[in-house]
Amino acid sequence: MNCGGETRSVVKRKCKETNETLSFTRAEQKKDKDMLSQQQDRNRGRSNKLLSYWELPDYMKDNEYILRYYRANWSLKDAFFSIFRWHNETLNVWTHLIGFFLFLGLTLANLMKPQVVDLLGMLTRSFSSSGDKNVSHNFKDILLGTTLLFDLRHQVPLKMQFQSQELVTARWPFFVFLGGSMFCLISSSICHLFSCHSRSLNLFLLRIDYVGITVMIITSFFPQIYYVFLCEPHWQLLYLVGITGMGLFTIVTLLSPSLSTGKYRAYRAMLFCSMGLFGIVPAVHACFVNWGNPRRNVTLAYEIAMALSYLTGTLFYVTRIPERWKPGWFDIAGHSHQIFHVLVVVGALAHYAATLKMLDWRDSFGCGTIVQ
């Protein structure tokens, strides 16, 4: 009897101990889950926190003179909505995004009009004043410019001076340039917006950004070479094949992951500059071919403005001025990459204006002899 009682007591103790163990285990599991949930909440809060340069993962450490306001390891959704938030990439995104929409508007306007939209010329005429024009005339010009921008379906056609209305030069090189510019600007904006997501996406978007710059350089040559050497197709073909070949070589080179790092910043700039300097040969040749063009000086002035804008922007990009002088002062606004972006858009607009002059010339005279 005693043995049976002892056996029952042992069984009860074991059952009690087992229940206590299960209760303790469940409590520990619940505690672990609560801690994990709290940790995830803390991580989620940190995911939208702006970091300093020293807190970044190594693959994002590109400019040691920009000290704060970085995004790192953000979700795609958070990265997308950060377009409306201040950080050190905000102006990099918007400078080229605004440029993209500007060129998209110019492209649509040109597609909807039989003549090419001379937007820059219109703005110049709208705000210029002379002795034989009064304020009311200028006000009418401004209204005409407003109509051009906001009423594309019912625009007042711009006055184009054609010697022969039957001469219509091919527009495809002009739209190739516009398309290349838009691709460059939008790929740049996307890169600066989403490169904070992950290392793999950062590397991929950087390479697409470099491809966009190369495509813009290539396509900017197409209208000028095509229209200047319209009557000399062998030169036309030679120069277009030359710049396209250089561009393809540059693209293949830049697709190498190692060349996308900050270490090869100067090398990338050298590749882009070499493509631009290639244009010196056709440019000098074009001056002789284009010597009788009455719009030669204006066209040349626009092209010089384009070259200076691109070269100056590249200089800022390589030297990292002004943030190099005052690290931390230009983290949000005013650093070199933002200046580079603005000058790229200015250069593209100058090239757009030069192309309009070339088109107007070819539409007016074709391959015939130009009369001064």
Protein backbone atom coordinates (compact mmCIF):
# COMPACT_ATOMS: atom_id res chain seq x y z
CA MET A 1 0.00 0.00 0.00
CA ASN A 2 2.77 2.36 0.86
CA CYS A 3 4.51 1.60 -2.38
CA GLY A 4 1.34 2.35 -4.31
CA GLY A 5 0.93 5.63 -2.46
CA GLU A 6 4.51 6.60 -3.17
CA THR A 7 4.01 5.76 -6.84
CA ARG A 8 0.95 7.97 -7.06
CA SER A 9 2.80 10.81 -5.33
CA VAL A 10 5.70 10.53 -7.78
CA VAL A 11 3.33 10.59 -10.75
CA LYS A 12 1.56 13.67 -9.39
CA ARG A 13 4.87 15.45 -8.82
CA LYS A 14 6.05 14.62 -12.34
CA CYS A 15 2.78 15.83 -13.87
CA LYS A 16 3.01 19.00 -11.83
CA GLU A 17 6.63 19.56 -12.89
CA THR A 18 5.74 18.90 -16.54
CA ASN A 19 2.89 21.42 -16.43
CA GLU A 20 5.15 24.00 -14.80
CA THR A 21 7.82 23.35 -17.47
CA LEU A 22 5.27 23.76 -20.29
CA SER A 23 3.94 26.94 -18.73
CA PHE A 24 7.48 28.31 -18.36
CA THR A 25 8.31 27.35 -21.97
CA ARG A 26 5.17 29.03 -23.28
CA ALA A 27 5.96 32.14 -21.23
CA GLU A 28 9.50 32.22 -22.60
CA GLN A 29 8.22 31.80 -26.18
CA LYS A 30 5.73 34.60 -25.68
CA LYS A 31 8.47 36.79 -24.21
CA ASP A 32 10.74 36.01 -27.19
CA LYS A 33 7.95 36.84 -29.62
CA ASP A 34 7.27 40.12 -27.84
CA MET A 35 10.97 41.01 -27.90
CA LEU A 36 11.20 40.10 -31.58
CA SER A 37 8.15 42.21 -32.36
CA GLN A 38 9.61 45.14 -30.43
CA GLN A 39 12.93 44.72 -32.25
CA GLN A 40 11.15 44.68 -35.60
CA ASP A 41 9.28 47.82 -34.63
CA ARG A 42 12.54 49.49 -33.67
CA ASN A 43 14.16 48.38 -36.93
CA ARG A 44 11.16 49.64 -38.85
CA GLY A 45 11.54 53.00 -37.19
CA ARG A 46 15.25 53.04 -37.96
CA SER A 47 14.63 52.14 -41.61
CA ASN A 48 13.32 55.65 -42.22
CA LYS A 49 15.99 57.34 -40.19
CA LEU A 50 18.51 59.52 -41.99
CA LEU A 51 22.06 58.41 -41.29
CA SER A 52 25.49 59.97 -41.18
CA TYR A 53 28.29 59.01 -43.56
CA TRP A 54 29.95 56.80 -40.90
CA GLU A 55 26.76 54.76 -40.39
CA LEU A 56 26.46 53.81 -44.06
CA PRO A 57 27.25 50.39 -45.50
CA ASP A 58 30.53 50.44 -47.41
CA TYR A 59 28.90 50.27 -50.86
CA MET A 60 27.16 53.62 -50.25
CA LYS A 61 30.25 55.52 -49.10
CA ASP A 62 30.88 57.56 -52.22
CA ASN A 63 31.41 61.16 -51.12
CA GLU A 64 33.11 61.61 -47.76
CA TYR A 65 32.41 65.37 -47.85
CA ILE A 66 28.64 64.85 -47.60
CA LEU A 67 28.34 64.03 -43.92
CA ARG A 68 24.63 63.62 -43.13
CA TYR A 69 21.06 62.99 -44.33
CA TYR A 70 21.68 59.64 -46.02
CA ARG A 71 19.10 56.91 -46.64
CA ALA A 72 20.20 53.28 -46.40
CA ASN A 73 18.38 49.95 -46.75
CA TRP A 74 14.99 51.57 -47.26
CA SER A 75 12.10 49.65 -48.75
CA LEU A 76 11.10 50.51 -52.32
CA LYS A 77 7.88 52.08 -51.05
CA ASP A 78 9.70 54.26 -48.51
CA ALA A 79 12.33 55.19 -51.08
CA PHE A 80 9.63 56.22 -53.56
CA PHE A 81 7.81 58.48 -51.09
CA SER A 82 11.11 60.00 -49.96
CA ILE A 83 10.87 62.09 -53.13
CA PHE A 84 8.71 64.41 -50.99
CA ARG A 85 11.15 64.41 -48.07
CA TRP A 86 14.36 66.36 -47.51
CA HIS A 87 17.55 64.30 -47.66
CA ASN A 88 20.86 64.69 -49.47
CA GLU A 89 19.45 63.17 -52.69
CA THR A 90 16.23 65.23 -52.90
CA LEU A 91 17.57 67.91 -55.23
CA ASN A 92 19.52 65.34 -57.25
CA VAL A 93 16.19 63.65 -57.99
CA TRP A 94 14.20 66.78 -58.73
CA THR A 95 16.76 68.64 -60.87
CA HIS A 96 16.72 65.90 -63.49
CA LEU A 97 13.06 64.98 -63.00
CA ILE A 98 12.03 68.55 -63.84
CA GLY A 99 14.39 68.43 -66.83
CA PHE A 100 12.76 65.18 -67.97
CA PHE A 101 9.26 66.68 -67.89
CA LEU A 102 10.53 69.79 -69.68
CA PHE A 103 11.95 67.72 -72.56
CA LEU A 104 8.86 65.50 -72.57
CA GLY A 105 6.74 68.63 -73.04
CA LEU A 106 8.99 69.84 -75.87
CA THR A 107 8.81 66.44 -77.55
CA LEU A 108 5.00 66.31 -77.38
CA ALA A 109 4.75 69.88 -78.61
CA ASN A 110 6.96 69.08 -81.60
CA LEU A 111 4.99 65.94 -82.40
CA MET A 112 1.71 67.85 -82.36
CA LYS A 113 2.93 70.72 -84.56
CA PRO A 114 3.91 70.64 -88.21
CA GLN A 115 6.74 73.04 -87.44
CA VAL A 116 9.37 72.67 -84.76
CA VAL A 117 8.62 74.49 -81.53
CA ASP A 118 11.12 77.30 -81.08
CA LEU A 119 10.47 77.64 -77.35
CA LEU A 120 13.72 79.40 -76.49
CA GLY A 121 13.33 81.79 -79.39
CA MET A 122 9.77 82.54 -78.35
CA LEU A 123 10.79 83.31 -74.78
CA THR A 124 13.63 85.50 -76.04
CA ARG A 125 11.30 87.43 -78.33
CA SER A 126 8.66 87.70 -75.62
CA PHE A 127 10.93 89.43 -73.15
CA SER A 128 13.10 91.45 -75.54
CA SER A 129 12.40 95.14 -76.01
CA SER A 130 13.34 97.45 -78.84
CA GLY A 131 12.71 101.02 -79.89
CA ASP A 132 10.03 100.19 -82.43
CA LYS A 133 7.96 97.97 -80.08
CA ASN A 134 5.83 99.23 -77.22
CA VAL A 135 4.67 97.48 -74.06
CA SER A 136 1.45 96.22 -75.62
CA HIS A 137 3.34 94.43 -78.39
CA ASN A 138 5.55 92.70 -75.85
CA PHE A 139 2.48 91.74 -73.84
CA LYS A 140 1.00 90.10 -76.93
CA ASP A 141 4.22 88.13 -77.44
CA ILE A 142 4.06 86.89 -73.86
CA LEU A 143 0.46 85.82 -74.32
CA LEU A 144 1.50 83.94 -77.46
CA GLY A 145 4.20 82.16 -75.47
CA THR A 146 1.66 81.25 -72.80
CA THR A 147 -0.66 79.87 -75.47
CA LEU A 148 2.21 77.75 -76.79
CA LEU A 149 2.84 76.20 -73.38
CA PHE A 150 -0.70 75.63 -72.17
CA ASP A 151 -2.83 75.10 -75.26
CA LEU A 152 -0.98 72.61 -77.44
CA ARG A 153 -4.08 71.64 -79.40
CA HIS A 154 -4.91 75.17 -80.49
CA GLN A 155 -1.51 76.78 -80.82
CA VAL A 156 -0.81 79.76 -82.98
CA PRO A 157 1.85 78.45 -85.41
CA LEU A 158 5.20 80.13 -85.05
CA LYS A 159 6.32 82.17 -88.00
CA MET A 160 8.96 80.24 -89.87
CA GLN A 161 10.85 81.85 -92.72
CA PHE A 162 10.85 79.28 -95.51
CA GLN A 163 12.24 79.98 -98.92
CA SER A 164 10.26 77.00 -100.18
CA GLN A 165 7.31 75.45 -98.35
CA GLU A 166 8.00 72.15 -100.12
CA LEU A 167 11.32 71.62 -98.29
CA VAL A 168 10.79 69.43 -95.23
CA THR A 169 13.92 67.99 -93.65
CA ALA A 170 13.75 64.65 -91.83
CA ARG A 171 12.95 65.09 -88.15
CA TRP A 172 14.08 61.70 -86.83
CA PRO A 173 17.59 62.86 -85.75
CA PHE A 174 15.96 65.65 -83.79
CA PHE A 175 13.68 63.20 -81.96
CA VAL A 176 16.59 60.82 -81.39
CA PHE A 177 18.30 63.63 -79.47
CA LEU A 178 15.14 64.40 -77.47
CA GLY A 179 14.67 60.70 -76.67
CA GLY A 180 18.28 60.29 -75.54
CA SER A 181 18.01 63.35 -73.31
CA MET A 182 14.81 62.09 -71.69
CA PHE A 183 16.32 58.64 -71.10
CA CYS A 184 19.37 60.17 -69.41
CA LEU A 185 17.34 62.48 -67.18
CA ILE A 186 14.78 59.91 -66.03
CA SER A 187 17.37 57.17 -65.45
CA SER A 188 19.37 59.61 -63.32
CA SER A 189 16.32 60.54 -61.25
CA ILE A 190 15.39 56.89 -60.70
CA CYS A 191 18.96 56.04 -59.69
CA HIS A 192 19.15 58.78 -57.07
CA LEU A 193 15.72 57.90 -55.71
CA PHE A 194 16.00 54.11 -55.36
CA SER A 195 19.71 53.40 -54.96
CA CYS A 196 19.25 53.42 -51.17
CA HIS A 197 17.25 50.16 -51.29
CA SER A 198 19.98 47.50 -51.47
CA ARG A 199 23.49 46.88 -52.68
CA SER A 200 22.40 44.92 -55.76
CA LEU A 201 19.87 47.56 -56.84
CA ASN A 202 22.35 50.35 -56.10
CA LEU A 203 24.93 48.79 -58.41
CA PHE A 204 22.40 48.11 -61.15
CA LEU A 205 20.95 51.65 -61.10
CA LEU A 206 24.40 53.26 -61.09
CA ARG A 207 25.30 51.40 -64.27
CA ILE A 208 21.99 52.39 -65.89
CA ASP A 209 22.71 56.00 -64.92
CA TYR A 210 26.11 55.88 -66.64
CA VAL A 211 24.52 54.28 -69.70
CA GLY A 212 22.00 57.14 -69.75
CA ILE A 213 24.78 59.75 -69.78
CA THR A 214 26.49 57.92 -72.64
CA VAL A 215 23.26 57.65 -74.63
CA MET A 216 22.63 61.38 -74.20
CA ILE A 217 26.11 62.21 -75.50
CA ILE A 218 25.69 59.90 -78.51
CA THR A 219 22.24 61.14 -79.47
CA SER A 220 23.23 64.80 -79.11
CA PHE A 221 25.58 64.32 -82.07
CA PHE A 222 22.88 62.94 -84.37
CA PRO A 223 20.95 66.12 -85.33
CA GLN A 224 24.00 68.33 -85.76
CA ILE A 225 25.98 65.86 -87.87
CA TYR A 226 22.93 64.83 -89.90
CA TYR A 227 21.82 68.38 -90.74
CA VAL A 228 25.26 69.94 -91.28
CA PHE A 229 26.40 67.12 -93.59
CA LEU A 230 22.98 66.53 -95.16
CA CYS A 231 24.43 67.01 -98.65
CA GLU A 232 27.56 64.95 -97.93
CA PRO A 233 26.28 61.54 -96.79
CA HIS A 234 29.74 59.94 -96.65
CA TRP A 235 30.86 62.37 -93.93
CA GLN A 236 27.49 61.99 -92.28
CA LEU A 237 27.94 58.23 -92.07
CA LEU A 238 31.58 58.41 -90.96
CA TYR A 239 30.95 60.73 -88.01
CA LEU A 240 27.74 59.04 -86.86
CA VAL A 241 29.36 55.59 -86.94
CA GLY A 242 32.41 56.99 -85.13
CA ILE A 243 30.53 58.52 -82.20
CA THR A 244 28.19 55.52 -81.95
CA GLY A 245 31.17 53.16 -81.82
CA MET A 246 32.83 55.21 -79.08
CA GLY A 247 29.56 55.27 -77.17
CA LEU A 248 29.09 51.50 -77.36
CA PHE A 249 32.65 50.95 -76.15
CA THR A 250 32.00 53.31 -73.23
CA ILE A 251 28.75 51.53 -72.34
CA VAL A 252 30.40 48.08 -72.37
CA THR A 253 33.24 49.41 -70.22
CA LEU A 254 30.95 51.08 -67.69
CA LEU A 255 28.81 47.96 -67.30
CA SER A 256 31.70 46.40 -65.42
CA PRO A 257 30.68 46.37 -61.72
CA SER A 258 34.14 47.42 -60.52
CA LEU A 259 34.09 50.58 -62.67
CA SER A 260 30.83 51.71 -61.04
CA THR A 261 32.54 52.39 -57.71
CA GLY A 262 33.68 55.77 -56.45
CA LYS A 263 37.31 54.76 -57.00
CA TYR A 264 36.89 55.15 -60.79
CA ARG A 265 35.06 58.49 -60.73
CA ALA A 266 37.84 60.27 -62.63
CA TYR A 267 38.08 57.42 -65.16
CA ARG A 268 34.35 57.63 -65.91
CA ALA A 269 34.61 61.40 -66.33
CA MET A 270 37.53 60.88 -68.73
CA LEU A 271 35.43 58.51 -70.87
CA PHE A 272 32.58 61.00 -71.06
CA CYS A 273 34.95 63.88 -71.86
CA SER A 274 36.67 61.87 -74.59
CA MET A 275 33.31 61.34 -76.27
CA GLY A 276 32.62 65.06 -76.07
CA LEU A 277 36.07 65.95 -77.39
CA PHE A 278 35.44 63.64 -80.35
CA GLY A 279 33.01 66.33 -81.48
CA ILE A 280 35.86 68.79 -82.11
CA VAL A 281 36.69 67.13 -85.44
CA PRO A 282 33.18 67.28 -86.97
CA ALA A 283 32.69 70.72 -85.37
CA VAL A 284 35.72 72.21 -87.14
CA HIS A 285 34.69 70.48 -90.36
CA ALA A 286 31.15 71.81 -89.92
CA CYS A 287 32.40 75.38 -89.62
CA PHE A 288 33.73 75.18 -93.18
CA VAL A 289 30.68 73.37 -94.53
CA ASN A 290 28.40 75.74 -92.67
CA TRP A 291 30.34 78.89 -93.55
CA GLY A 292 27.64 80.37 -95.75
CA ASN A 293 24.86 79.73 -93.25
CA PRO A 294 23.47 83.11 -92.08
CA ARG A 295 22.56 81.49 -88.76
CA ARG A 296 26.07 80.10 -88.28
CA ASN A 297 27.16 82.47 -85.49
CA VAL A 298 24.01 81.98 -83.43
CA THR A 299 24.22 78.20 -83.81
CA LEU A 300 27.89 78.24 -82.85
CA ALA A 301 27.16 80.37 -79.77
CA TYR A 302 24.56 77.86 -78.58
CA GLU A 303 26.93 74.94 -79.13
CA ILE A 304 29.73 76.70 -77.24
CA ALA A 305 27.29 77.31 -74.38
CA MET A 306 26.41 73.60 -74.41
CA ALA A 307 30.07 72.53 -74.34
CA LEU A 308 30.92 74.93 -71.52
CA SER A 309 27.93 73.74 -69.49
CA TYR A 310 28.88 70.08 -69.85
CA LEU A 311 32.58 70.61 -69.19
CA THR A 312 31.95 72.86 -66.18
CA GLY A 313 29.47 70.35 -64.78
CA THR A 314 32.00 67.55 -65.21
CA LEU A 315 34.61 69.66 -63.42
CA PHE A 316 32.30 70.05 -60.43
CA TYR A 317 31.52 66.31 -60.54
CA VAL A 318 35.19 65.30 -60.40
CA THR A 319 36.52 67.88 -57.94
CA ARG A 320 33.55 67.74 -55.53
CA ILE A 321 33.53 71.47 -55.09
CA PRO A 322 32.18 73.20 -52.96
CA GLU A 323 31.58 70.46 -50.33
CA ARG A 324 35.30 69.63 -50.39
CA TRP A 325 35.98 73.10 -48.97
CA LYS A 326 33.36 72.92 -46.22
CA PRO A 327 32.36 69.30 -45.42
CA GLY A 328 28.85 69.14 -43.99
CA TRP A 329 27.79 72.60 -45.16
CA PHE A 330 26.26 71.43 -48.43
CA ASP A 331 24.71 68.15 -47.37
CA ILE A 332 21.15 69.15 -48.37
CA ALA A 333 21.67 71.77 -51.07
CA GLY A 334 24.50 73.19 -53.14
CA HIS A 335 26.86 70.22 -53.43
CA SER A 336 28.71 69.35 -56.61
CA HIS A 337 26.39 66.67 -57.96
CA GLN A 338 23.42 69.03 -57.85
CA ILE A 339 25.38 71.70 -59.72
CA PHE A 340 26.40 69.04 -62.25
CA HIS A 341 22.74 68.10 -62.78
CA VAL A 342 21.64 71.70 -63.36
CA LEU A 343 24.43 72.32 -65.88
CA VAL A 344 23.51 69.13 -67.77
CA VAL A 345 19.95 70.42 -68.26
CA VAL A 346 21.24 73.87 -69.28
CA GLY A 347 23.61 72.28 -71.80
CA ALA A 348 20.84 70.12 -73.26
CA LEU A 349 18.59 73.18 -73.68
CA ALA A 350 21.39 75.06 -75.43
CA HIS A 351 21.83 72.10 -77.79
CA TYR A 352 18.07 72.07 -78.40
CA ALA A 353 18.22 75.73 -79.43
CA ALA A 354 21.17 75.08 -81.76
CA THR A 355 19.31 72.19 -83.38
CA LEU A 356 16.31 74.42 -84.08
CA LYS A 357 18.57 76.83 -85.95
CA MET A 358 20.04 74.00 -88.01
CA LEU A 359 16.58 72.68 -88.88
CA ASP A 360 15.35 76.12 -89.85
CA TRP A 361 18.36 76.50 -92.13
CA ARG A 362 17.87 73.15 -93.84
CA ASP A 363 14.13 73.69 -94.20
CA SER A 364 14.81 77.02 -95.82
CA PHE A 365 17.61 76.10 -98.20
CA GLY A 366 17.97 72.33 -98.38
CA CYS A 367 21.15 71.44 -100.25
CA GLY A 368 20.99 74.45 -102.52
CA THR A 369 23.30 77.46 -102.53
CA ILE A 370 22.69 79.83 -99.67
CA VAL A 371 22.24 83.46 -100.52
CA GLN A 372 23.50 85.81 -97.83
